[in-house]
Amino acid sequence: MKAHRKLVFVCTGSDCKKSGAKSLCNELKAELGHGSLKGTCQLIKTKCMDRCKSAPLAILDDHFFKKAKATHLLEKIKLSQK
């Protein structure tokens, strides 16, 4: 298996699920699976990260993204590839 450069962690605890973590994961998975981003990142679903007021929560490059949106995360990933 080819090594990925980046790891994207998405909390899938109950509050994050209620706040859209499932759709966030689906959007990220779809975008990271093709085009220029294919093979650049690995999406990792986590258990509760105990930051429920920030739901859905994602982590990229040691940065926490509160109320994470796929578009914002993908933009950060693309910028880091340059």
C-alpha atoms as a PDB file:
ATOM      1  CA  MET A   1       0.000   0.000   0.000  1.00  0.00           C
ATOM      2  CA  LYS A   2       1.260   3.441  -0.923  1.00  0.00           C
ATOM      3  CA  ALA A   3       2.062   5.727   2.012  1.00  0.00           C
ATOM      4  CA  HIS A   4      -0.200   8.729   2.408  1.00  0.00           C
ATOM      5  CA  ARG A   5       1.278  12.119   3.126  1.00  0.00           C
ATOM      6  CA  LYS A   6      -1.481  13.473   5.347  1.00  0.00           C
ATOM      7  CA  LEU A   7      -3.923  12.099   7.873  1.00  0.00           C
ATOM      8  CA  VAL A   8      -7.375  13.600   8.360  1.00  0.00           C
ATOM      9  CA  PHE A   9      -9.098  12.555  11.577  1.00  0.00           C
ATOM     10  CA  VAL A  10     -12.867  13.011  11.868  1.00  0.00           C
ATOM     11  CA  CYS A  11     -14.691  12.419  15.136  1.00  0.00           C
ATOM     12  CA  THR A  12     -17.689  10.134  14.765  1.00  0.00           C
ATOM     13  CA  GLY A  13     -18.941  10.336  18.350  1.00  0.00           C
ATOM     14  CA  SER A  14     -22.677  10.803  18.899  1.00  0.00           C
ATOM     15  CA  ASP A  15     -22.674  14.633  18.986  1.00  0.00           C
ATOM     16  CA  CYS A  16     -20.483  14.823  15.891  1.00  0.00           C
ATOM     17  CA  LYS A  17     -22.745  12.342  14.089  1.00  0.00           C
ATOM     18  CA  LYS A  18     -25.755  14.512  14.943  1.00  0.00           C
ATOM     19  CA  SER A  19     -23.880  17.546  13.615  1.00  0.00           C
ATOM     20  CA  GLY A  20     -22.981  16.041  10.246  1.00  0.00           C
ATOM     21  CA  ALA A  21     -19.839  13.933  10.702  1.00  0.00           C
ATOM     22  CA  LYS A  22     -21.206  11.210   8.438  1.00  0.00           C
ATOM     23  CA  SER A  23     -21.784  13.563   5.516  1.00  0.00           C
ATOM     24  CA  LEU A  24     -18.419  15.227   6.219  1.00  0.00           C
ATOM     25  CA  CYS A  25     -16.702  11.836   5.959  1.00  0.00           C
ATOM     26  CA  ASN A  26     -18.618  10.967   2.788  1.00  0.00           C
ATOM     27  CA  GLU A  27     -17.679  14.259   1.109  1.00  0.00           C
ATOM     28  CA  LEU A  28     -14.027  13.946   2.094  1.00  0.00           C
ATOM     29  CA  LYS A  29     -13.860  10.316   1.005  1.00  0.00           C
ATOM     30  CA  ALA A  30     -15.350  11.164  -2.388  1.00  0.00           C
ATOM     31  CA  GLU A  31     -12.957  14.053  -3.028  1.00  0.00           C
ATOM     32  CA  LEU A  32      -9.855  12.318  -1.675  1.00  0.00           C
ATOM     33  CA  GLY A  33     -10.508   9.266  -3.824  1.00  0.00           C
ATOM     34  CA  HIS A  34      -9.938  10.846  -7.218  1.00  0.00           C
ATOM     35  CA  GLY A  35      -8.288  13.652  -9.148  1.00  0.00           C
ATOM     36  CA  SER A  36      -5.269  15.543  -7.904  1.00  0.00           C
ATOM     37  CA  LEU A  37      -5.961  14.587  -4.276  1.00  0.00           C
ATOM     38  CA  LYS A  38      -6.006  10.833  -4.864  1.00  0.00           C
ATOM     39  CA  GLY A  39      -3.484   9.152  -2.592  1.00  0.00           C
ATOM     40  CA  THR A  40      -2.467  12.355  -0.809  1.00  0.00           C
ATOM     41  CA  CYS A  41      -4.507  11.815   2.359  1.00  0.00           C
ATOM     42  CA  GLN A  42      -5.997   9.091   4.461  1.00  0.00           C
ATOM     43  CA  LEU A  43      -9.327   9.646   6.202  1.00  0.00           C
ATOM     44  CA  ILE A  44      -9.501   8.169   9.689  1.00  0.00           C
ATOM     45  CA  LYS A  45     -12.775   8.024  11.607  1.00  0.00           C
ATOM     46  CA  THR A  46     -12.269   8.261  15.356  1.00  0.00           C
ATOM     47  CA  LYS A  47     -14.318   7.661  18.453  1.00  0.00           C
ATOM     48  CA  CYS A  48     -15.362  10.650  20.531  1.00  0.00           C
ATOM     49  CA  MET A  49     -12.556  13.202  20.980  1.00  0.00           C
ATOM     50  CA  ASP A  50     -14.391  14.924  23.846  1.00  0.00           C
ATOM     51  CA  ARG A  51     -14.802  18.243  22.043  1.00  0.00           C
ATOM     52  CA  CYS A  52     -18.562  17.912  21.620  1.00  0.00           C
ATOM     53  CA  LYS A  53     -19.314  21.653  21.535  1.00  0.00           C
ATOM     54  CA  SER A  54     -17.137  21.870  18.408  1.00  0.00           C
ATOM     55  CA  ALA A  55     -19.012  19.153  16.508  1.00  0.00           C
ATOM     56  CA  PRO A  56     -18.264  17.962  13.933  1.00  0.00           C
ATOM     57  CA  LEU A  57     -14.572  17.992  14.764  1.00  0.00           C
ATOM     58  CA  ALA A  58     -11.702  17.217  12.392  1.00  0.00           C
ATOM     59  CA  ILE A  59      -7.936  17.282  12.789  1.00  0.00           C
ATOM     60  CA  LEU A  60      -5.483  17.984   9.968  1.00  0.00           C
ATOM     61  CA  ASP A  61      -1.783  18.729  10.471  1.00  0.00           C
ATOM     62  CA  ASP A  62      -2.183  18.994  14.259  1.00  0.00           C
ATOM     63  CA  HIS A  63      -4.868  21.678  13.828  1.00  0.00           C
ATOM     64  CA  PHE A  64      -8.371  21.242  15.193  1.00  0.00           C
ATOM     65  CA  PHE A  65     -11.198  22.283  12.879  1.00  0.00           C
ATOM     66  CA  LYS A  66     -14.320  23.107  14.873  1.00  0.00           C
ATOM     67  CA  LYS A  67     -17.663  22.708  13.131  1.00  0.00           C
ATOM     68  CA  ALA A  68     -15.637  21.282  10.248  1.00  0.00           C
ATOM     69  CA  LYS A  69     -16.735  21.665   6.647  1.00  0.00           C
ATOM     70  CA  ALA A  70     -15.416  19.477   3.842  1.00  0.00           C
ATOM     71  CA  THR A  71     -14.794  22.483   1.588  1.00  0.00           C
ATOM     72  CA  HIS A  72     -12.560  24.150   4.178  1.00  0.00           C
ATOM     73  CA  LEU A  73     -10.580  20.970   4.884  1.00  0.00           C
ATOM     74  CA  LEU A  74     -10.137  20.230   1.181  1.00  0.00           C
ATOM     75  CA  GLU A  75      -8.929  23.784   0.591  1.00  0.00           C
ATOM     76  CA  LYS A  76      -6.307  23.359   3.346  1.00  0.00           C
ATOM     77  CA  ILE A  77      -5.218  20.014   1.889  1.00  0.00           C
ATOM     78  CA  LYS A  78      -4.869  21.489  -1.603  1.00  0.00           C
ATOM     79  CA  LEU A  79      -2.873  24.451  -0.300  1.00  0.00           C
ATOM     80  CA  SER A  80      -0.503  22.157   1.559  1.00  0.00           C
ATOM     81  CA  GLN A  81       0.178  20.182  -1.637  1.00  0.00           C
ATOM     82  CA  LYS A  82       1.729  23.197  -3.390  1.00  0.00           C
END
